[in-house]
Amino acid sequence: MENYAFLIEKLQELGLTKREAEVYLTILVKDGATVKELLESLDIHQPQLYNIIQSLIRKGFIRASAGRPRVYTASDIGALIDIQKMKFDLLRSVLQEELMKIKGRTEEEGPYISLVRSLEGVLASVIEIINSAEVEIRAELPYPVFRELKPYLLGALQRGVNLYLLVYPTIGTPEEFERFRDQVKIRTFDLGNFLLVISDLSSAVYSKRRFFSVHKLPISSNEIYGYVIQEKDLLLRLLNIHNNLWLKSKEVMGWIPRVELYPKVFIEFSMALNELETLLKLGYTPVVTVEGRDVKSGYPVSITGKVRSINRFGIVSNFVLESENGTFTVGGFDAEVEDIEAQRVVIREITK
């Protein structure tokens, strides 16, 4: 049978043993078979065959006719996959609810880094990160991974999440994203640094570029690995590398700044700074609310005012905020030379 080994492997992924998959395929090809016919076609002992048949019946893969001799027929594979999907959807819902009860995880639990293995494991972790986003997603993606993640990225856009995607080495025209243009910025570059997906600057998945390279021999799925990271300082170090490439990359899609586009929320400071710099160059005065902490005292602050200028020198980047309470410099995570460390920047409106 053509592609026999491939079919056996895929049936095993649906929960069958190798022997069960062989029996199911034989029944499917014969369009129904008796035990005698199966024994003639397969190198298998009768007691073992009876056990396999009963297992396939329990799992819904085959049906038995009435009367003697019994004729076993194969169930439609599409219907079986739909049933499996329904079971997994229900299982996911139940498990998520129960795990949340016993896990009780909070952001204050501290740094967390874990290893994930195989391509499937890395992609599953990325999907989880995307689905958890509430405000924004930063990502640097090899194109084959971007293609696989499109449905989940579009789902995030439908929830109102802003996306900042750098795809390499090329992307073409992402027409599916066009209707979400006011929420998405997509750029491209010939060579990326890594696979990186960050949700709300709180959790991320990182994996090596080598695993997804189109310029080298492909790597087995089982050799691929990555890391789930929930450690803000490390995320910022990775973002520094990503931001350098972002500034050099070519824009494929992005929103056009205009009055009706705002308010817009930013958690990751560099994107807020880029947006404010663009608005100032266009002659707008952005009115923003900064939520964060006073660098000297450490106390939480929330200040609303007008952005007057952007400062970029060396490794320091910040903006000057003029408010009723005075003029302040605002920096990002781990700010030291600024007055305020921003944890969220909301561009409330822009005026000429």
Protein backbone atom coordinates (compact mmCIF):
# COMPACT_ATOMS: atom_id res chain seq x y z
CA MET A 1 0.00 0.00 0.00
CA GLU A 2 1.38 3.42 -0.97
CA ASN A 3 2.43 5.54 2.01
CA TYR A 4 1.62 2.61 4.31
CA ALA A 5 4.24 3.50 6.93
CA PHE A 6 3.09 7.14 6.94
CA LEU A 7 -0.54 6.12 7.51
CA ILE A 8 0.44 3.79 10.33
CA GLU A 9 2.38 6.61 12.00
CA LYS A 10 -0.53 9.06 11.72
CA LEU A 11 -3.02 6.53 13.08
CA GLN A 12 -0.72 5.99 16.05
CA GLU A 13 -0.91 9.74 16.69
CA LEU A 14 -4.69 9.26 16.99
CA GLY A 15 -4.15 6.79 19.82
CA LEU A 16 -3.85 3.41 18.09
CA THR A 17 -1.06 0.90 18.60
CA LYS A 18 0.90 -0.16 15.53
CA ARG A 19 -0.98 -3.47 15.38
CA GLU A 20 -4.35 -1.74 15.77
CA ALA A 21 -3.45 0.65 12.95
CA GLU A 22 -2.52 -2.31 10.69
CA VAL A 23 -5.82 -4.06 11.36
CA TYR A 24 -7.83 -0.86 10.85
CA LEU A 25 -6.12 -0.13 7.52
CA THR A 26 -6.67 -3.68 6.31
CA ILE A 27 -10.39 -3.50 7.11
CA LEU A 28 -10.59 -0.06 5.46
CA VAL A 29 -8.88 -1.23 2.24
CA LYS A 30 -11.00 -4.38 2.03
CA ASP A 31 -14.16 -2.33 2.65
CA GLY A 32 -15.03 -4.78 5.41
CA ALA A 33 -13.52 -8.09 6.49
CA THR A 34 -14.16 -11.19 8.62
CA VAL A 35 -11.71 -12.60 11.15
CA LYS A 36 -10.76 -15.31 8.66
CA GLU A 37 -9.96 -12.74 5.97
CA LEU A 38 -7.91 -10.69 8.40
CA LEU A 39 -5.91 -13.75 9.51
CA GLU A 40 -5.17 -14.51 5.85
CA SER A 41 -3.97 -10.93 5.22
CA LEU A 42 -2.02 -10.26 8.41
CA ASP A 43 0.82 -12.00 10.21
CA ILE A 44 -1.04 -12.20 13.50
CA HIS A 45 -2.33 -14.87 15.90
CA GLN A 46 -6.08 -15.30 16.33
CA PRO A 47 -6.25 -14.53 20.10
CA GLN A 48 -4.27 -11.35 19.56
CA LEU A 49 -6.53 -10.37 16.64
CA TYR A 50 -9.66 -10.76 18.77
CA ASN A 51 -8.14 -8.47 21.44
CA ILE A 52 -7.25 -5.86 18.80
CA ILE A 53 -10.74 -6.00 17.26
CA GLN A 54 -12.37 -5.44 20.65
CA SER A 55 -10.03 -2.52 21.31
CA LEU A 56 -10.82 -0.93 17.92
CA ILE A 57 -14.55 -1.32 18.58
CA ARG A 58 -14.20 0.37 22.00
CA LYS A 59 -12.25 3.24 20.43
CA GLY A 60 -14.89 3.65 17.70
CA PHE A 61 -12.59 2.83 14.77
CA ILE A 62 -14.54 -0.20 13.54
CA ARG A 63 -18.08 -1.63 13.74
CA ALA A 64 -19.25 -5.27 13.80
CA SER A 65 -22.20 -6.63 11.82
CA ALA A 66 -24.89 -8.86 13.31
CA GLY A 67 -24.98 -12.58 12.48
CA ARG A 68 -22.23 -15.04 11.67
CA PRO A 69 -19.57 -14.65 10.49
CA ARG A 70 -19.23 -11.10 11.73
CA VAL A 71 -18.04 -8.58 9.19
CA TYR A 72 -16.01 -5.69 10.56
CA THR A 73 -16.16 -2.33 8.75
CA ALA A 74 -14.02 0.78 9.25
CA SER A 75 -15.52 4.00 10.57
CA ASP A 76 -15.00 7.24 8.62
CA ILE A 77 -11.65 8.74 9.62
CA GLY A 78 -12.94 12.32 9.31
CA ALA A 79 -15.74 11.65 11.79
CA LEU A 80 -13.28 9.98 14.16
CA ILE A 81 -10.99 13.02 14.07
CA ASP A 82 -13.95 15.33 14.74
CA ILE A 83 -14.88 13.21 17.77
CA GLN A 84 -11.29 13.31 19.02
CA LYS A 85 -11.27 17.09 18.62
CA MET A 86 -14.51 17.40 20.58
CA LYS A 87 -13.03 15.25 23.35
CA PHE A 88 -9.85 17.32 23.47
CA ASP A 89 -11.79 20.62 23.48
CA LEU A 90 -13.88 19.39 26.40
CA LEU A 91 -10.80 18.04 28.17
CA ARG A 92 -8.96 21.33 27.69
CA SER A 93 -11.87 23.30 29.13
CA VAL A 94 -12.18 21.04 32.16
CA LEU A 95 -8.43 20.86 32.80
CA GLN A 96 -7.93 24.62 32.47
CA GLU A 97 -10.71 25.27 34.96
CA GLU A 98 -9.46 22.72 37.47
CA LEU A 99 -5.79 23.64 37.10
CA MET A 100 -6.58 27.30 37.72
CA LYS A 101 -8.25 26.29 40.98
CA ILE A 102 -5.31 24.29 42.30
CA LYS A 103 -2.50 26.26 40.71
CA GLY A 104 -3.53 29.75 41.76
CA ARG A 105 -0.53 31.17 39.97
CA THR A 106 0.06 34.93 40.27
CA GLU A 107 2.51 37.32 38.71
CA GLU A 108 4.19 37.72 42.10
CA GLU A 109 5.41 34.13 42.19
CA GLY A 110 8.78 35.16 40.78
CA PRO A 111 11.05 34.28 37.83
CA TYR A 112 10.31 31.11 35.90
CA ILE A 113 12.17 29.44 33.00
CA SER A 114 11.38 25.99 31.66
CA LEU A 115 12.59 23.82 28.79
CA VAL A 116 10.21 22.55 26.09
CA ARG A 117 11.22 19.84 23.63
CA SER A 118 10.21 19.02 20.03
CA LEU A 119 8.68 21.26 17.39
CA GLU A 120 5.21 20.37 18.63
CA GLY A 121 6.15 21.36 22.18
CA VAL A 122 7.60 24.71 21.09
CA LEU A 123 4.57 25.54 18.91
CA ALA A 124 2.12 24.52 21.65
CA SER A 125 3.93 26.85 24.08
CA VAL A 126 3.86 29.71 21.55
CA ILE A 127 0.12 29.22 20.98
CA GLU A 128 -0.43 29.32 24.74
CA ILE A 129 1.53 32.58 24.95
CA ILE A 130 -0.47 34.12 22.08
CA ASN A 131 -3.79 33.05 23.58
CA SER A 132 -2.85 34.61 26.94
CA ALA A 133 -2.15 38.09 25.52
CA GLU A 134 -4.49 40.90 26.53
CA VAL A 135 -2.73 44.05 25.26
CA GLU A 136 0.20 43.34 22.93
CA ILE A 137 2.40 40.67 21.37
CA ARG A 138 5.99 41.22 20.27
CA ALA A 139 7.37 38.49 18.00
CA GLU A 140 10.31 37.61 15.77
CA LEU A 141 9.30 34.63 13.64
CA PRO A 142 10.71 32.47 10.85
CA TYR A 143 8.17 32.53 8.03
CA PRO A 144 7.19 28.80 8.29
CA VAL A 145 6.33 29.33 11.96
CA PHE A 146 4.45 32.55 11.18
CA ARG A 147 2.39 30.62 8.61
CA GLU A 148 1.46 27.98 11.22
CA LEU A 149 0.53 30.63 13.79
CA LYS A 150 -1.65 32.81 11.55
CA PRO A 151 -5.01 31.58 12.93
CA TYR A 152 -3.92 32.28 16.51
CA LEU A 153 -2.44 35.70 15.68
CA LEU A 154 -5.66 36.64 13.88
CA GLY A 155 -7.59 35.43 16.91
CA ALA A 156 -5.52 37.75 19.11
CA LEU A 157 -6.33 40.66 16.80
CA GLN A 158 -10.01 39.84 17.06
CA ARG A 159 -9.67 40.15 20.85
CA GLY A 160 -8.23 43.66 20.41
CA VAL A 161 -4.57 42.76 20.99
CA ASN A 162 -1.92 44.84 19.20
CA LEU A 163 0.71 42.86 17.24
CA TYR A 164 4.30 43.82 16.43
CA LEU A 165 5.71 41.09 14.18
CA LEU A 166 9.10 40.75 12.53
CA VAL A 167 9.04 37.88 10.02
CA TYR A 168 12.11 36.54 8.22
CA PRO A 169 13.46 35.95 5.61
CA THR A 170 10.36 37.08 3.68
CA ILE A 171 6.62 37.32 4.15
CA GLY A 172 4.86 38.34 0.93
CA THR A 173 1.55 40.17 1.31
CA PRO A 174 -0.28 39.24 4.54
CA GLU A 175 -3.74 40.01 3.16
CA GLU A 176 -5.57 38.30 6.07
CA PHE A 177 -4.21 41.00 8.40
CA GLU A 178 -5.33 43.93 6.25
CA ARG A 179 -8.65 44.44 8.06
CA PHE A 180 -6.73 44.74 11.35
CA ARG A 181 -4.25 47.30 10.01
CA ASP A 182 -4.89 49.69 12.93
CA GLN A 183 -3.69 47.01 15.39
CA VAL A 184 -0.73 45.46 13.63
CA LYS A 185 2.78 46.36 12.54
CA ILE A 186 4.59 43.78 10.41
CA ARG A 187 8.21 44.11 9.30
CA THR A 188 10.64 41.79 7.53
CA PHE A 189 14.39 41.22 7.30
CA ASP A 190 16.61 38.77 5.40
CA LEU A 191 17.96 37.12 8.54
CA GLY A 192 16.48 36.93 12.02
CA ASN A 193 18.03 36.46 15.45
CA PHE A 194 15.81 33.71 16.84
CA LEU A 195 12.22 32.67 17.37
CA LEU A 196 10.77 34.92 20.06
CA VAL A 197 7.15 35.54 21.06
CA ILE A 198 6.40 37.81 24.05
CA SER A 199 2.95 38.38 25.54
CA ASP A 200 2.32 41.59 27.51
CA LEU A 201 5.99 41.69 28.56
CA SER A 202 5.24 38.97 31.13
CA SER A 203 5.87 35.62 29.41
CA ALA A 204 7.66 34.45 26.27
CA VAL A 205 8.88 31.53 24.20
CA TYR A 206 12.43 31.56 22.82
CA SER A 207 14.05 29.09 20.42
CA LYS A 208 17.19 29.07 18.26
CA ARG A 209 17.10 30.39 14.69
CA ARG A 210 19.08 27.33 13.55
CA PHE A 211 16.10 25.04 14.13
CA PHE A 212 14.05 26.86 11.49
CA SER A 213 16.72 27.92 8.99
CA VAL A 214 15.88 27.67 5.29
CA HIS A 215 19.60 27.89 4.46
CA LYS A 216 20.70 24.70 6.24
CA LEU A 217 19.64 21.08 6.27
CA PRO A 218 16.35 20.59 8.16
CA ILE A 219 16.46 19.31 11.72
CA SER A 220 14.27 16.52 13.07
CA SER A 221 11.26 17.74 15.05
CA ASN A 222 12.48 15.82 18.09
CA GLU A 223 15.83 17.69 18.10
CA ILE A 224 14.15 21.09 18.39
CA TYR A 225 13.81 22.70 21.80
CA GLY A 226 12.96 26.07 23.29
CA TYR A 227 12.37 27.90 26.57
CA VAL A 228 9.31 29.34 28.23
CA ILE A 229 10.47 32.48 30.04
CA GLN A 230 8.68 34.48 32.72
CA GLU A 231 11.58 36.64 33.89
CA LYS A 232 11.25 40.27 32.89
CA ASP A 233 14.93 41.23 32.97
CA LEU A 234 15.82 38.39 30.59
CA LEU A 235 12.89 39.32 28.32
CA LEU A 236 14.20 42.88 28.11
CA ARG A 237 17.69 41.66 27.19
CA LEU A 238 16.22 39.60 24.35
CA LEU A 239 14.06 42.56 23.32
CA ASN A 240 17.15 44.77 23.08
CA ILE A 241 18.54 42.40 20.44
CA HIS A 242 15.16 42.25 18.71
CA ASN A 243 14.70 46.04 18.74
CA ASN A 244 18.03 46.62 16.98
CA LEU A 245 16.84 44.43 14.11
CA TRP A 246 13.35 45.97 14.18
CA LEU A 247 14.80 49.42 13.46
CA LYS A 248 16.77 48.04 10.47
CA SER A 249 13.90 45.99 9.03
CA LYS A 250 11.49 46.85 6.23
CA GLU A 251 7.88 47.70 7.04
CA VAL A 252 5.31 45.49 5.33
CA MET A 253 2.21 46.70 7.15
CA GLY A 254 1.44 49.29 9.80
CA TRP A 255 -1.16 51.77 10.92
CA ILE A 256 -1.25 55.39 9.81
CA PRO A 257 -1.20 57.76 12.83
CA ARG A 258 -4.34 59.90 12.94
CA VAL A 259 -6.59 61.42 15.59
CA GLU A 260 -9.26 58.70 15.60
CA LEU A 261 -6.71 55.91 16.15
CA TYR A 262 -6.22 56.76 19.81
CA PRO A 263 -6.32 55.91 22.70
CA LYS A 264 -3.78 53.11 22.30
CA VAL A 265 -2.11 51.15 25.10
CA PHE A 266 1.57 50.14 25.21
CA ILE A 267 3.21 47.87 27.79
CA GLU A 268 6.60 47.44 26.09
CA PHE A 269 8.34 50.82 26.33
CA SER A 270 10.37 50.80 23.11
CA MET A 271 7.22 50.54 20.97
CA ALA A 272 5.61 53.38 22.90
CA LEU A 273 8.75 55.46 22.37
CA ASN A 274 8.80 54.69 18.63
CA GLU A 275 5.14 55.70 18.35
CA LEU A 276 5.68 58.95 20.26
CA GLU A 277 8.71 59.81 18.15
CA THR A 278 6.72 59.26 14.95
CA LEU A 279 3.88 61.46 16.23
CA LEU A 280 6.24 64.29 17.17
CA LYS A 281 7.88 64.17 13.73
CA LEU A 282 4.42 64.43 12.14
CA GLY A 283 3.74 67.57 14.15
CA TYR A 284 1.36 66.06 16.69
CA THR A 285 1.44 66.62 20.44
CA PRO A 286 0.65 63.33 22.18
CA VAL A 287 -1.29 63.41 25.45
CA VAL A 288 -0.33 60.35 27.48
CA THR A 289 -0.95 58.69 30.81
CA VAL A 290 2.07 56.94 32.32
CA GLU A 291 1.56 54.26 34.96
CA GLY A 292 4.70 53.11 36.76
CA ARG A 293 6.88 54.00 39.71
CA ASP A 294 8.98 56.88 40.93
CA VAL A 295 12.61 55.85 40.31
CA LYS A 296 13.97 57.39 43.53
CA SER A 297 11.23 56.51 46.01
CA GLY A 298 9.92 53.37 44.36
CA TYR A 299 6.32 54.51 44.96
CA PRO A 300 3.69 53.87 42.27
CA VAL A 301 2.72 56.86 40.14
CA SER A 302 0.15 57.71 37.49
CA ILE A 303 0.73 60.94 35.59
CA THR A 304 -1.03 62.48 32.60
CA GLY A 305 0.58 65.12 30.45
CA LYS A 306 1.92 66.16 27.06
CA VAL A 307 5.01 64.62 25.47
CA ARG A 308 7.42 67.37 24.48
CA SER A 309 10.52 65.53 23.23
CA ILE A 310 12.34 62.21 22.83
CA ASN A 311 15.85 61.54 24.11
CA ARG A 312 18.07 58.83 22.63
CA PHE A 313 21.75 58.76 23.59
CA GLY A 314 23.92 55.71 24.14
CA ILE A 315 21.90 53.05 25.91
CA VAL A 316 19.50 55.63 27.35
CA SER A 317 16.09 56.20 25.75
CA ASN A 318 13.28 58.24 27.29
CA PHE A 319 10.73 60.96 26.68
CA VAL A 320 9.95 64.26 28.40
CA LEU A 321 6.45 64.56 29.90
CA GLU A 322 5.01 67.94 30.82
CA SER A 323 2.19 67.70 33.35
CA GLU A 324 0.35 69.92 35.84
CA ASN A 325 2.71 68.60 38.54
CA GLY A 326 5.89 69.45 36.66
CA THR A 327 8.13 68.10 33.90
CA PHE A 328 9.46 64.53 34.14
CA THR A 329 11.64 62.18 32.14
CA VAL A 330 10.06 58.77 31.55
CA GLY A 331 12.03 55.58 30.85
CA GLY A 332 11.30 51.90 30.49
CA PHE A 333 11.90 48.86 32.67
CA ASP A 334 14.79 49.22 35.14
CA ALA A 335 15.08 52.96 34.49
CA GLU A 336 17.80 54.68 36.58
CA VAL A 337 18.56 58.12 35.16
CA GLU A 338 14.90 59.01 34.55
CA ASP A 339 12.30 60.30 37.01
CA ILE A 340 9.68 57.63 36.23
CA GLU A 341 9.92 53.97 35.23
CA ALA A 342 6.94 53.35 32.94
CA GLN A 343 5.08 50.05 33.20
CA ARG A 344 2.25 51.12 30.90
CA VAL A 345 1.92 54.05 28.52
CA VAL A 346 -1.47 55.06 27.17
CA ILE A 347 -1.50 57.54 24.29
CA ARG A 348 -4.87 59.08 25.08
CA GLU A 349 -5.11 61.52 22.19
CA ILE A 350 -3.05 63.58 19.77
CA THR A 351 -3.45 67.25 18.91
CA LYS A 352 -1.89 69.59 16.39
